[in-house]
Amino acid sequence: MSRASRLYLAVLVLSLAPCANAQGRYRAVKDPQSPPDIPYTRYFTRDRFNRRITFYVHGNQSERLPLVVSVLGSGAYSNFIRVGDEIRDGHRAAREAFGDKAHVVIVEKPGVEFLEQHGNAGTSGDASAEFLRENTLERWAEAVNAALRAARSLPLADKSRCLLIGHSEGATVVALVAAKSKLVTHVASLSGNGPTVLFELMHKAREGRLYTPPEPDKQVAQLLAAVAAIRADPTNNTKLVLGHTALYWSSRFPFSTMQELSRTKARIFLAHGTADRNVAVANFDVLYAHLLARGRDVTARRLEGADHGYRYADQPERDGWKEIFEAVRDWFFQ
């Protein structure tokens, strides 16, 4: 082989390498085998850790519309689930609320395959080894950031405004992304933490709801012992503590939604139900007060009787989940 041929081959290999350098990051590549039975188009990109990130964009790809990135809570599950012959997604409320007014963008967690579901919803139980290695707050937030930047590079994106919506743990994720990204103009935190997640764990222990038996003093002592064990082995990604690895917890303890949202210039929407047993409404009160004290542009909804998913025990027919996404939509476009 001649020197020129070898040089050509080297250039060709480098050009085909999957975004192995900074110039190739955050470039959107449409999947030619995007699943036909979902109202989304699948794309791939590379993040700053050089991981392949999978994301989906809803709607007519030829229409230029604002981007709405939707992020759900903790756990090793796909955004999609097969029910009989039908494939459903966990972002239907967002899709239907925004309709043809925006492109809803959803991101698969690294280490989770399309349609992958497990019985231990919300935890890391039964997760793949890759997911357990990747499931830190910083790395998950970077995956969302990469999808946002890649989607925004597409002709379909109206660059004048961008909304991030996070529910439960997703609220902390989008807060972290918004704090670091000037692309975000609006961010909605739904049923999320205010201070560090350790505040919520302590709150549950004080109420006797974190362990069994339900004795608050013993539960607090058990929690403190668990925290000490996590701090002693913070990178352990195999042993589960309260449903997640030490790596998971140690990556999340230093961060809080209220601190991250304090750093963004985006407009902020908060919502929380007073009957939320997953994340106490005390988080909302601390978060709202913190942001108001710092002069942030905040719209807040404290929903009497709503649980973590905005259900109402005294109004079983009411679709509070649908209502809250419509409220976010109206606020975004006002």
C-alpha atoms as a PDB file:
ATOM      1  CA  MET A   1       0.000   0.000   0.000  1.00  0.00           C
ATOM      2  CA  SER A   2       1.378   3.434  -0.962  1.00  0.00           C
ATOM      3  CA  ARG A   3       1.929   6.236   1.534  1.00  0.00           C
ATOM      4  CA  ALA A   4      -0.946   8.191  -0.023  1.00  0.00           C
ATOM      5  CA  SER A   5      -3.265   5.181   0.328  1.00  0.00           C
ATOM      6  CA  ARG A   6      -2.292   4.706   3.955  1.00  0.00           C
ATOM      7  CA  LEU A   7      -2.901   8.385   4.618  1.00  0.00           C
ATOM      8  CA  TYR A   8      -6.331   8.204   2.948  1.00  0.00           C
ATOM      9  CA  LEU A   9      -7.245   5.128   4.997  1.00  0.00           C
ATOM     10  CA  ALA A  10      -6.203   6.841   8.224  1.00  0.00           C
ATOM     11  CA  VAL A  11      -8.344   9.870   7.420  1.00  0.00           C
ATOM     12  CA  LEU A  12     -11.292   7.614   6.524  1.00  0.00           C
ATOM     13  CA  VAL A  13     -11.056   5.710   9.824  1.00  0.00           C
ATOM     14  CA  LEU A  14     -10.938   8.943  11.788  1.00  0.00           C
ATOM     15  CA  SER A  15     -13.949  10.317   9.921  1.00  0.00           C
ATOM     16  CA  LEU A  16     -15.967   7.207  10.720  1.00  0.00           C
ATOM     17  CA  ALA A  17     -14.990   7.086  14.399  1.00  0.00           C
ATOM     18  CA  PRO A  18     -18.107   7.729  16.501  1.00  0.00           C
ATOM     19  CA  CYS A  19     -17.564  11.300  17.627  1.00  0.00           C
ATOM     20  CA  ALA A  20     -14.287  10.477  19.326  1.00  0.00           C
ATOM     21  CA  ASN A  21     -13.271  14.122  19.682  1.00  0.00           C
ATOM     22  CA  ALA A  22     -14.783  17.381  20.894  1.00  0.00           C
ATOM     23  CA  GLN A  23     -15.834  18.458  17.405  1.00  0.00           C
ATOM     24  CA  GLY A  24     -18.083  15.441  17.067  1.00  0.00           C
ATOM     25  CA  ARG A  25     -19.914  15.888  20.343  1.00  0.00           C
ATOM     26  CA  TYR A  26     -23.584  16.834  20.444  1.00  0.00           C
ATOM     27  CA  ARG A  27     -24.158  16.098  16.757  1.00  0.00           C
ATOM     28  CA  ALA A  28     -27.607  14.601  16.092  1.00  0.00           C
ATOM     29  CA  VAL A  29     -27.697  11.470  13.923  1.00  0.00           C
ATOM     30  CA  LYS A  30     -31.108  10.205  12.859  1.00  0.00           C
ATOM     31  CA  ASP A  31     -31.598   6.467  13.312  1.00  0.00           C
ATOM     32  CA  PRO A  32     -32.608   4.933   9.950  1.00  0.00           C
ATOM     33  CA  GLN A  33     -34.282   2.137  11.936  1.00  0.00           C
ATOM     34  CA  SER A  34     -36.268   4.408  14.235  1.00  0.00           C
ATOM     35  CA  PRO A  35     -39.227   2.353  15.584  1.00  0.00           C
ATOM     36  CA  PRO A  36     -42.235   2.991  13.317  1.00  0.00           C
ATOM     37  CA  ASP A  37     -44.871   2.288  15.976  1.00  0.00           C
ATOM     38  CA  ILE A  38     -44.166   5.305  18.180  1.00  0.00           C
ATOM     39  CA  PRO A  39     -44.954   9.012  17.607  1.00  0.00           C
ATOM     40  CA  TYR A  40     -41.275   9.882  17.947  1.00  0.00           C
ATOM     41  CA  THR A  41     -38.183   9.858  15.751  1.00  0.00           C
ATOM     42  CA  ARG A  42     -35.068   8.313  17.288  1.00  0.00           C
ATOM     43  CA  TYR A  43     -31.701  10.055  17.185  1.00  0.00           C
ATOM     44  CA  PHE A  44     -28.238   9.383  18.570  1.00  0.00           C
ATOM     45  CA  THR A  45     -25.515  11.720  19.751  1.00  0.00           C
ATOM     46  CA  ARG A  46     -22.275  11.654  21.750  1.00  0.00           C
ATOM     47  CA  ASP A  47     -21.786  13.400  25.081  1.00  0.00           C
ATOM     48  CA  ARG A  48     -18.642  14.759  26.738  1.00  0.00           C
ATOM     49  CA  PHE A  49     -17.936  11.298  28.177  1.00  0.00           C
ATOM     50  CA  ASN A  50     -17.977   9.954  24.591  1.00  0.00           C
ATOM     51  CA  ARG A  51     -21.039   7.808  25.306  1.00  0.00           C
ATOM     52  CA  ARG A  52     -23.672   7.184  22.671  1.00  0.00           C
ATOM     53  CA  ILE A  53     -26.850   8.851  23.923  1.00  0.00           C
ATOM     54  CA  THR A  54     -30.252   7.863  22.549  1.00  0.00           C
ATOM     55  CA  PHE A  55     -33.024  10.437  22.419  1.00  0.00           C
ATOM     56  CA  TYR A  56     -36.404  10.822  20.747  1.00  0.00           C
ATOM     57  CA  VAL A  57     -38.154  13.841  19.254  1.00  0.00           C
ATOM     58  CA  HIS A  58     -41.931  13.936  18.993  1.00  0.00           C
ATOM     59  CA  GLY A  59     -43.903  15.403  16.149  1.00  0.00           C
ATOM     60  CA  ASN A  60     -43.455  16.456  12.544  1.00  0.00           C
ATOM     61  CA  GLN A  61     -39.709  16.737  12.035  1.00  0.00           C
ATOM     62  CA  SER A  62     -40.146  19.327   9.288  1.00  0.00           C
ATOM     63  CA  GLU A  63     -41.786  21.869  11.618  1.00  0.00           C
ATOM     64  CA  ARG A  64     -39.660  24.398  13.500  1.00  0.00           C
ATOM     65  CA  LEU A  65     -40.972  24.438  17.076  1.00  0.00           C
ATOM     66  CA  PRO A  66     -39.701  25.054  20.615  1.00  0.00           C
ATOM     67  CA  LEU A  67     -38.080  22.111  22.399  1.00  0.00           C
ATOM     68  CA  VAL A  68     -39.581  20.655  25.576  1.00  0.00           C
ATOM     69  CA  VAL A  69     -37.288  18.136  27.261  1.00  0.00           C
ATOM     70  CA  SER A  70     -39.161  15.822  29.643  1.00  0.00           C
ATOM     71  CA  VAL A  71     -37.312  13.806  32.333  1.00  0.00           C
ATOM     72  CA  LEU A  72     -38.930  11.300  34.696  1.00  0.00           C
ATOM     73  CA  GLY A  73     -37.744   9.938  38.038  1.00  0.00           C
ATOM     74  CA  SER A  74     -35.284   7.347  39.301  1.00  0.00           C
ATOM     75  CA  GLY A  75     -35.031   3.737  38.173  1.00  0.00           C
ATOM     76  CA  ALA A  76     -33.672   1.516  35.417  1.00  0.00           C
ATOM     77  CA  TYR A  77     -36.484   1.597  32.872  1.00  0.00           C
ATOM     78  CA  SER A  78     -37.027   2.673  29.294  1.00  0.00           C
ATOM     79  CA  ASN A  79     -39.243   5.593  28.389  1.00  0.00           C
ATOM     80  CA  PHE A  80     -41.258   3.031  26.415  1.00  0.00           C
ATOM     81  CA  ILE A  81     -43.202  -0.053  27.466  1.00  0.00           C
ATOM     82  CA  ARG A  82     -44.945  -2.728  25.423  1.00  0.00           C
ATOM     83  CA  VAL A  83     -48.528  -3.406  26.457  1.00  0.00           C
ATOM     84  CA  GLY A  84     -49.929  -6.210  24.316  1.00  0.00           C
ATOM     85  CA  ASP A  85     -49.411  -5.187  20.702  1.00  0.00           C
ATOM     86  CA  GLU A  86     -49.052  -1.514  21.608  1.00  0.00           C
ATOM     87  CA  ILE A  87     -45.967   0.490  22.565  1.00  0.00           C
ATOM     88  CA  ARG A  88     -46.676   3.240  25.056  1.00  0.00           C
ATOM     89  CA  ASP A  89     -44.441   5.965  26.425  1.00  0.00           C
ATOM     90  CA  GLY A  90     -44.252   7.574  29.850  1.00  0.00           C
ATOM     91  CA  HIS A  91     -44.494  11.098  28.439  1.00  0.00           C
ATOM     92  CA  ARG A  92     -47.970  10.942  26.962  1.00  0.00           C
ATOM     93  CA  ALA A  93     -49.216  13.798  29.157  1.00  0.00           C
ATOM     94  CA  ALA A  94     -46.452  16.063  27.877  1.00  0.00           C
ATOM     95  CA  ARG A  95     -47.045  15.014  24.256  1.00  0.00           C
ATOM     96  CA  GLU A  96     -50.765  15.645  24.456  1.00  0.00           C
ATOM     97  CA  ALA A  97     -50.449  18.902  26.392  1.00  0.00           C
ATOM     98  CA  PHE A  98     -48.014  20.464  23.923  1.00  0.00           C
ATOM     99  CA  GLY A  99     -49.458  18.774  20.828  1.00  0.00           C
ATOM    100  CA  ASP A 100     -48.224  20.503  17.698  1.00  0.00           C
ATOM    101  CA  LYS A 101     -46.987  23.575  19.600  1.00  0.00           C
ATOM    102  CA  ALA A 102     -43.623  22.100  20.596  1.00  0.00           C
ATOM    103  CA  HIS A 103     -41.322  19.125  20.053  1.00  0.00           C
ATOM    104  CA  VAL A 104     -41.172  16.947  23.166  1.00  0.00           C
ATOM    105  CA  VAL A 105     -37.698  15.439  23.579  1.00  0.00           C
ATOM    106  CA  ILE A 106     -37.097  12.382  25.783  1.00  0.00           C
ATOM    107  CA  VAL A 107     -33.786  10.711  26.633  1.00  0.00           C
ATOM    108  CA  GLU A 108     -33.009   7.085  27.439  1.00  0.00           C
ATOM    109  CA  LYS A 109     -30.803   6.547  30.463  1.00  0.00           C
ATOM    110  CA  PRO A 110     -27.372   5.135  29.575  1.00  0.00           C
ATOM    111  CA  GLY A 111     -27.407   1.397  30.222  1.00  0.00           C
ATOM    112  CA  VAL A 112     -31.139   1.022  29.496  1.00  0.00           C
ATOM    113  CA  GLU A 113     -32.416  -0.556  26.287  1.00  0.00           C
ATOM    114  CA  PHE A 114     -35.541   0.356  24.324  1.00  0.00           C
ATOM    115  CA  LEU A 115     -38.632  -1.211  26.010  1.00  0.00           C
ATOM    116  CA  GLU A 116     -36.588  -2.428  28.998  1.00  0.00           C
ATOM    117  CA  GLN A 117     -38.719  -2.648  32.134  1.00  0.00           C
ATOM    118  CA  HIS A 118     -38.273  -4.188  35.586  1.00  0.00           C
ATOM    119  CA  GLY A 119     -40.507  -5.055  38.504  1.00  0.00           C
ATOM    120  CA  ASN A 120     -38.662  -2.816  40.970  1.00  0.00           C
ATOM    121  CA  ALA A 121     -39.813   0.467  39.493  1.00  0.00           C
ATOM    122  CA  GLY A 122     -37.960   3.511  40.757  1.00  0.00           C
ATOM    123  CA  THR A 123     -34.958   1.544  42.021  1.00  0.00           C
ATOM    124  CA  SER A 124     -31.764   0.105  40.594  1.00  0.00           C
ATOM    125  CA  GLY A 125     -32.864  -3.455  41.308  1.00  0.00           C
ATOM    126  CA  ASP A 126     -32.429  -5.790  38.313  1.00  0.00           C
ATOM    127  CA  ALA A 127     -30.527  -3.076  36.411  1.00  0.00           C
ATOM    128  CA  SER A 128     -27.699  -3.881  34.015  1.00  0.00           C
ATOM    129  CA  ALA A 129     -24.076  -3.552  35.123  1.00  0.00           C
ATOM    130  CA  GLU A 130     -23.678  -0.676  32.658  1.00  0.00           C
ATOM    131  CA  PHE A 131     -26.613   1.205  34.177  1.00  0.00           C
ATOM    132  CA  LEU A 132     -25.201   0.760  37.693  1.00  0.00           C
ATOM    133  CA  ARG A 133     -21.862   2.176  36.535  1.00  0.00           C
ATOM    134  CA  GLU A 134     -23.468   5.103  34.727  1.00  0.00           C
ATOM    135  CA  ASN A 135     -26.158   6.042  37.232  1.00  0.00           C
ATOM    136  CA  THR A 136     -24.604   9.121  38.805  1.00  0.00           C
ATOM    137  CA  LEU A 137     -26.311  12.483  38.852  1.00  0.00           C
ATOM    138  CA  GLU A 138     -23.613  14.216  36.831  1.00  0.00           C
ATOM    139  CA  ARG A 139     -23.525  11.541  34.113  1.00  0.00           C
ATOM    140  CA  TRP A 140     -27.311  11.374  33.797  1.00  0.00           C
ATOM    141  CA  ALA A 141     -27.560  15.162  33.620  1.00  0.00           C
ATOM    142  CA  GLU A 142     -24.855  15.198  30.929  1.00  0.00           C
ATOM    143  CA  ALA A 143     -26.863  12.686  28.867  1.00  0.00           C
ATOM    144  CA  VAL A 144     -29.862  15.040  29.024  1.00  0.00           C
ATOM    145  CA  ASN A 145     -27.662  18.021  28.190  1.00  0.00           C
ATOM    146  CA  ALA A 146     -26.195  16.178  25.194  1.00  0.00           C
ATOM    147  CA  ALA A 147     -29.664  15.320  23.865  1.00  0.00           C
ATOM    148  CA  LEU A 148     -30.786  18.924  24.292  1.00  0.00           C
ATOM    149  CA  ARG A 149     -27.766  20.307  22.450  1.00  0.00           C
ATOM    150  CA  ALA A 150     -28.063  17.746  19.664  1.00  0.00           C
ATOM    151  CA  ALA A 151     -31.808  18.320  19.222  1.00  0.00           C
ATOM    152  CA  ARG A 152     -31.273  22.068  19.174  1.00  0.00           C
ATOM    153  CA  SER A 153     -28.820  21.676  16.278  1.00  0.00           C
ATOM    154  CA  LEU A 154     -31.575  20.201  14.111  1.00  0.00           C
ATOM    155  CA  PRO A 155     -33.599  22.401  11.718  1.00  0.00           C
ATOM    156  CA  LEU A 156     -36.756  21.455  13.632  1.00  0.00           C
ATOM    157  CA  ALA A 157     -35.703  23.450  16.717  1.00  0.00           C
ATOM    158  CA  ASP A 158     -36.970  26.950  17.417  1.00  0.00           C
ATOM    159  CA  LYS A 159     -33.960  28.335  19.278  1.00  0.00           C
ATOM    160  CA  SER A 160     -35.819  31.265  20.854  1.00  0.00           C
ATOM    161  CA  ARG A 161     -37.135  29.248  23.801  1.00  0.00           C
ATOM    162  CA  CYS A 162     -36.564  25.906  25.480  1.00  0.00           C
ATOM    163  CA  LEU A 163     -38.321  24.235  28.411  1.00  0.00           C
ATOM    164  CA  LEU A 164     -37.050  21.463  30.691  1.00  0.00           C
ATOM    165  CA  ILE A 165     -39.609  19.510  32.740  1.00  0.00           C
ATOM    166  CA  GLY A 166     -38.456  17.163  35.487  1.00  0.00           C
ATOM    167  CA  HIS A 167     -40.610  15.012  37.750  1.00  0.00           C
ATOM    168  CA  SER A 168     -39.379  13.599  41.073  1.00  0.00           C
ATOM    169  CA  GLU A 169     -35.632  12.884  40.688  1.00  0.00           C
ATOM    170  CA  GLY A 170     -35.958  14.311  37.182  1.00  0.00           C
ATOM    171  CA  ALA A 171     -36.514  17.710  38.809  1.00  0.00           C
ATOM    172  CA  THR A 172     -32.976  17.690  40.189  1.00  0.00           C
ATOM    173  CA  VAL A 173     -31.613  16.501  36.841  1.00  0.00           C
ATOM    174  CA  VAL A 174     -33.201  19.336  34.853  1.00  0.00           C
ATOM    175  CA  ALA A 175     -32.163  21.856  37.514  1.00  0.00           C
ATOM    176  CA  LEU A 176     -28.552  20.768  37.079  1.00  0.00           C
ATOM    177  CA  VAL A 177     -28.821  21.038  33.282  1.00  0.00           C
ATOM    178  CA  ALA A 178     -30.508  24.456  33.465  1.00  0.00           C
ATOM    179  CA  ALA A 179     -27.828  25.743  35.839  1.00  0.00           C
ATOM    180  CA  LYS A 180     -25.111  24.947  33.316  1.00  0.00           C
ATOM    181  CA  SER A 181     -26.886  25.683  30.032  1.00  0.00           C
ATOM    182  CA  LYS A 182     -27.719  29.090  28.606  1.00  0.00           C
ATOM    183  CA  LEU A 183     -29.994  27.383  26.085  1.00  0.00           C
ATOM    184  CA  VAL A 184     -32.725  26.850  28.712  1.00  0.00           C
ATOM    185  CA  THR A 185     -35.278  29.652  29.033  1.00  0.00           C
ATOM    186  CA  HIS A 186     -37.854  27.827  31.207  1.00  0.00           C
ATOM    187  CA  VAL A 187     -37.614  24.983  33.733  1.00  0.00           C
ATOM    188  CA  ALA A 188     -40.391  23.142  35.581  1.00  0.00           C
ATOM    189  CA  SER A 189     -39.708  21.216  38.793  1.00  0.00           C
ATOM    190  CA  LEU A 190     -42.566  18.814  39.572  1.00  0.00           C
ATOM    191  CA  SER A 191     -42.707  16.933  42.898  1.00  0.00           C
ATOM    192  CA  GLY A 192     -38.969  17.212  43.324  1.00  0.00           C
ATOM    193  CA  ASN A 193     -36.576  17.695  46.212  1.00  0.00           C
ATOM    194  CA  GLY A 194     -35.701  21.086  47.599  1.00  0.00           C
ATOM    195  CA  PRO A 195     -32.544  20.481  49.657  1.00  0.00           C
ATOM    196  CA  THR A 196     -30.323  17.445  49.178  1.00  0.00           C
ATOM    197  CA  VAL A 197     -32.061  14.090  48.819  1.00  0.00           C
ATOM    198  CA  LEU A 198     -30.678  13.289  52.268  1.00  0.00           C
ATOM    199  CA  PHE A 199     -33.218  15.747  53.668  1.00  0.00           C
ATOM    200  CA  GLU A 200     -36.043  13.612  52.273  1.00  0.00           C
ATOM    201  CA  LEU A 201     -34.499  10.399  53.608  1.00  0.00           C
ATOM    202  CA  MET A 202     -34.182  11.990  57.040  1.00  0.00           C
ATOM    203  CA  HIS A 203     -37.766  13.202  56.839  1.00  0.00           C
ATOM    204  CA  LYS A 204     -39.018   9.690  56.107  1.00  0.00           C
ATOM    205  CA  ALA A 205     -36.930   8.226  58.928  1.00  0.00           C
ATOM    206  CA  ARG A 206     -38.318  10.801  61.380  1.00  0.00           C
ATOM    207  CA  GLU A 207     -41.799   9.687  60.373  1.00  0.00           C
ATOM    208  CA  GLY A 208     -40.872   6.004  60.706  1.00  0.00           C
ATOM    209  CA  ARG A 209     -41.415   5.301  56.995  1.00  0.00           C
ATOM    210  CA  LEU A 210     -37.915   4.483  55.769  1.00  0.00           C
ATOM    211  CA  TYR A 211     -37.325   1.094  57.386  1.00  0.00           C
ATOM    212  CA  THR A 212     -39.138  -1.463  59.514  1.00  0.00           C
ATOM    213  CA  PRO A 213     -40.028  -1.536  62.358  1.00  0.00           C
ATOM    214  CA  PRO A 214     -41.551   1.980  62.343  1.00  0.00           C
ATOM    215  CA  GLU A 215     -39.582   3.441  65.270  1.00  0.00           C
ATOM    216  CA  PRO A 216     -38.264   6.889  64.276  1.00  0.00           C
ATOM    217  CA  ASP A 217     -35.208   6.976  66.555  1.00  0.00           C
ATOM    218  CA  LYS A 218     -34.029   3.575  65.361  1.00  0.00           C
ATOM    219  CA  GLN A 219     -34.722   4.510  61.753  1.00  0.00           C
ATOM    220  CA  VAL A 220     -32.657   7.687  62.009  1.00  0.00           C
ATOM    221  CA  ALA A 221     -29.793   5.708  63.557  1.00  0.00           C
ATOM    222  CA  GLN A 222     -30.045   3.125  60.765  1.00  0.00           C
ATOM    223  CA  LEU A 223     -30.031   5.873  58.126  1.00  0.00           C
ATOM    224  CA  LEU A 224     -26.965   7.521  59.636  1.00  0.00           C
ATOM    225  CA  ALA A 225     -25.198   4.154  59.623  1.00  0.00           C
ATOM    226  CA  ALA A 226     -26.125   3.716  55.940  1.00  0.00           C
ATOM    227  CA  VAL A 227     -24.806   7.195  55.113  1.00  0.00           C
ATOM    228  CA  ALA A 228     -21.535   6.400  56.872  1.00  0.00           C
ATOM    229  CA  ALA A 229     -21.232   3.166  54.874  1.00  0.00           C
ATOM    230  CA  ILE A 230     -21.882   5.051  51.629  1.00  0.00           C
ATOM    231  CA  ARG A 231     -19.257   7.654  52.453  1.00  0.00           C
ATOM    232  CA  ALA A 232     -16.763   4.906  53.287  1.00  0.00           C
ATOM    233  CA  ASP A 233     -17.223   3.269  49.870  1.00  0.00           C
ATOM    234  CA  PRO A 234     -18.683   5.994  47.609  1.00  0.00           C
ATOM    235  CA  THR A 235     -17.853   4.397  44.248  1.00  0.00           C
ATOM    236  CA  ASN A 236     -19.394   0.985  44.970  1.00  0.00           C
ATOM    237  CA  ASN A 237     -21.758   0.251  42.067  1.00  0.00           C
ATOM    238  CA  THR A 238     -22.877  -3.266  42.970  1.00  0.00           C
ATOM    239  CA  LYS A 239     -24.254  -3.316  46.509  1.00  0.00           C
ATOM    240  CA  LEU A 240     -27.688  -1.698  46.901  1.00  0.00           C
ATOM    241  CA  VAL A 241     -28.578   0.607  49.784  1.00  0.00           C
ATOM    242  CA  LEU A 242     -32.219   1.692  49.949  1.00  0.00           C
ATOM    243  CA  GLY A 243     -32.711   0.434  46.398  1.00  0.00           C
ATOM    244  CA  HIS A 244     -29.690   2.132  44.844  1.00  0.00           C
ATOM    245  CA  THR A 245     -25.907   1.834  44.865  1.00  0.00           C
ATOM    246  CA  ALA A 246     -23.477   3.780  47.027  1.00  0.00           C
ATOM    247  CA  LEU A 247     -22.298   5.418  43.785  1.00  0.00           C
ATOM    248  CA  TYR A 248     -25.848   6.594  43.113  1.00  0.00           C
ATOM    249  CA  TRP A 249     -26.260   8.126  46.570  1.00  0.00           C
ATOM    250  CA  SER A 250     -22.783   9.634  46.890  1.00  0.00           C
ATOM    251  CA  SER A 251     -23.227  11.405  43.539  1.00  0.00           C
ATOM    252  CA  ARG A 252     -26.537  12.922  44.643  1.00  0.00           C
ATOM    253  CA  PHE A 253     -25.922  13.913  48.259  1.00  0.00           C
ATOM    254  CA  PRO A 254     -23.884  17.068  47.386  1.00  0.00           C
ATOM    255  CA  PHE A 255     -26.549  18.489  45.035  1.00  0.00           C
ATOM    256  CA  SER A 256     -29.896  20.120  45.698  1.00  0.00           C
ATOM    257  CA  THR A 257     -32.595  21.351  43.372  1.00  0.00           C
ATOM    258  CA  MET A 258     -32.801  24.684  45.169  1.00  0.00           C
ATOM    259  CA  GLN A 259     -29.085  25.405  44.794  1.00  0.00           C
ATOM    260  CA  GLU A 260     -29.050  24.484  41.107  1.00  0.00           C
ATOM    261  CA  LEU A 261     -32.185  26.480  40.287  1.00  0.00           C
ATOM    262  CA  SER A 262     -30.646  29.464  42.071  1.00  0.00           C
ATOM    263  CA  ARG A 263     -27.917  29.440  39.415  1.00  0.00           C
ATOM    264  CA  THR A 264     -30.166  29.560  36.345  1.00  0.00           C
ATOM    265  CA  LYS A 265     -31.580  32.673  34.726  1.00  0.00           C
ATOM    266  CA  ALA A 266     -34.484  30.676  33.308  1.00  0.00           C
ATOM    267  CA  ARG A 267     -38.050  31.248  34.461  1.00  0.00           C
ATOM    268  CA  ILE A 268     -39.105  28.616  36.997  1.00  0.00           C
ATOM    269  CA  PHE A 269     -42.339  26.675  37.579  1.00  0.00           C
ATOM    270  CA  LEU A 270     -42.811  24.625  40.763  1.00  0.00           C
ATOM    271  CA  ALA A 271     -45.585  22.186  41.634  1.00  0.00           C
ATOM    272  CA  HIS A 272     -46.095  19.798  44.519  1.00  0.00           C
ATOM    273  CA  GLY A 273     -48.974  17.956  46.151  1.00  0.00           C
ATOM    274  CA  THR A 274     -49.600  18.198  49.885  1.00  0.00           C
ATOM    275  CA  ALA A 275     -50.416  14.449  50.022  1.00  0.00           C
ATOM    276  CA  ASP A 276     -47.122  13.416  48.394  1.00  0.00           C
ATOM    277  CA  ARG A 277     -45.683  10.460  50.334  1.00  0.00           C
ATOM    278  CA  ASN A 278     -42.693   9.963  48.019  1.00  0.00           C
ATOM    279  CA  VAL A 279     -41.260  13.467  48.355  1.00  0.00           C
ATOM    280  CA  ALA A 280     -42.641  15.512  51.247  1.00  0.00           C
ATOM    281  CA  VAL A 281     -44.204  18.882  50.434  1.00  0.00           C
ATOM    282  CA  ALA A 282     -41.747  20.409  52.917  1.00  0.00           C
ATOM    283  CA  ASN A 283     -39.227  20.219  50.059  1.00  0.00           C
ATOM    284  CA  PHE A 284     -41.453  22.480  47.974  1.00  0.00           C
ATOM    285  CA  ASP A 285     -41.825  25.017  50.777  1.00  0.00           C
ATOM    286  CA  VAL A 286     -38.058  25.244  51.330  1.00  0.00           C
ATOM    287  CA  LEU A 287     -37.394  25.404  47.577  1.00  0.00           C
ATOM    288  CA  TYR A 288     -39.994  28.110  46.932  1.00  0.00           C
ATOM    289  CA  ALA A 289     -38.809  30.249  49.839  1.00  0.00           C
ATOM    290  CA  HIS A 290     -35.170  29.869  48.784  1.00  0.00           C
ATOM    291  CA  LEU A 291     -35.853  30.990  45.213  1.00  0.00           C
ATOM    292  CA  LEU A 292     -38.089  33.877  46.242  1.00  0.00           C
ATOM    293  CA  ALA A 293     -35.421  35.119  48.640  1.00  0.00           C
ATOM    294  CA  ARG A 294     -32.989  35.234  45.734  1.00  0.00           C
ATOM    295  CA  GLY A 295     -35.347  37.162  43.497  1.00  0.00           C
ATOM    296  CA  ARG A 296     -35.941  34.428  40.949  1.00  0.00           C
ATOM    297  CA  ASP A 297     -38.904  34.491  38.538  1.00  0.00           C
ATOM    298  CA  VAL A 298     -40.981  31.702  40.108  1.00  0.00           C
ATOM    299  CA  THR A 299     -44.520  30.460  39.516  1.00  0.00           C
ATOM    300  CA  ALA A 300     -45.596  27.959  42.192  1.00  0.00           C
ATOM    301  CA  ARG A 301     -48.542  25.582  42.607  1.00  0.00           C
ATOM    302  CA  ARG A 302     -49.038  23.921  46.011  1.00  0.00           C
ATOM    303  CA  LEU A 303     -51.816  21.445  45.275  1.00  0.00           C
ATOM    304  CA  GLU A 304     -53.975  20.491  48.236  1.00  0.00           C
ATOM    305  CA  GLY A 305     -54.654  16.752  48.393  1.00  0.00           C
ATOM    306  CA  ALA A 306     -52.497  15.763  45.377  1.00  0.00           C
ATOM    307  CA  ASP A 307     -50.046  12.867  45.692  1.00  0.00           C
ATOM    308  CA  HIS A 308     -46.689  12.323  43.960  1.00  0.00           C
ATOM    309  CA  GLY A 309     -48.352  11.679  40.592  1.00  0.00           C
ATOM    310  CA  TYR A 310     -51.004  14.395  41.113  1.00  0.00           C
ATOM    311  CA  ARG A 311     -53.787  11.967  41.947  1.00  0.00           C
ATOM    312  CA  TYR A 312     -56.508  12.989  44.406  1.00  0.00           C
ATOM    313  CA  ALA A 313     -57.836  10.344  46.800  1.00  0.00           C
ATOM    314  CA  ASP A 314     -61.158  12.148  47.180  1.00  0.00           C
ATOM    315  CA  GLN A 315     -61.496  12.687  43.395  1.00  0.00           C
ATOM    316  CA  PRO A 316     -60.443   9.401  41.757  1.00  0.00           C
ATOM    317  CA  GLU A 317     -61.853  10.501  38.416  1.00  0.00           C
ATOM    318  CA  ARG A 318     -59.639  13.589  38.282  1.00  0.00           C
ATOM    319  CA  ASP A 319     -56.578  13.477  36.005  1.00  0.00           C
ATOM    320  CA  GLY A 320     -54.200  15.685  37.935  1.00  0.00           C
ATOM    321  CA  TRP A 321     -51.194  14.471  35.926  1.00  0.00           C
ATOM    322  CA  LYS A 322     -52.787  15.812  32.742  1.00  0.00           C
ATOM    323  CA  GLU A 323     -53.752  19.023  34.501  1.00  0.00           C
ATOM    324  CA  ILE A 324     -50.249  19.828  35.691  1.00  0.00           C
ATOM    325  CA  PHE A 325     -48.689  19.402  32.252  1.00  0.00           C
ATOM    326  CA  GLU A 326     -51.363  21.646  30.765  1.00  0.00           C
ATOM    327  CA  ALA A 327     -50.597  24.218  33.460  1.00  0.00           C
ATOM    328  CA  VAL A 328     -46.890  24.060  32.576  1.00  0.00           C
ATOM    329  CA  ARG A 329     -47.777  24.461  28.886  1.00  0.00           C
ATOM    330  CA  ASP A 330     -49.924  27.526  29.535  1.00  0.00           C
ATOM    331  CA  TRP A 331     -47.202  29.093  31.683  1.00  0.00           C
ATOM    332  CA  PHE A 332     -44.544  28.381  29.024  1.00  0.00           C
ATOM    333  CA  PHE A 333     -46.509  30.059  26.251  1.00  0.00           C
ATOM    334  CA  GLN A 334     -47.969  32.952  28.216  1.00  0.00           C
END
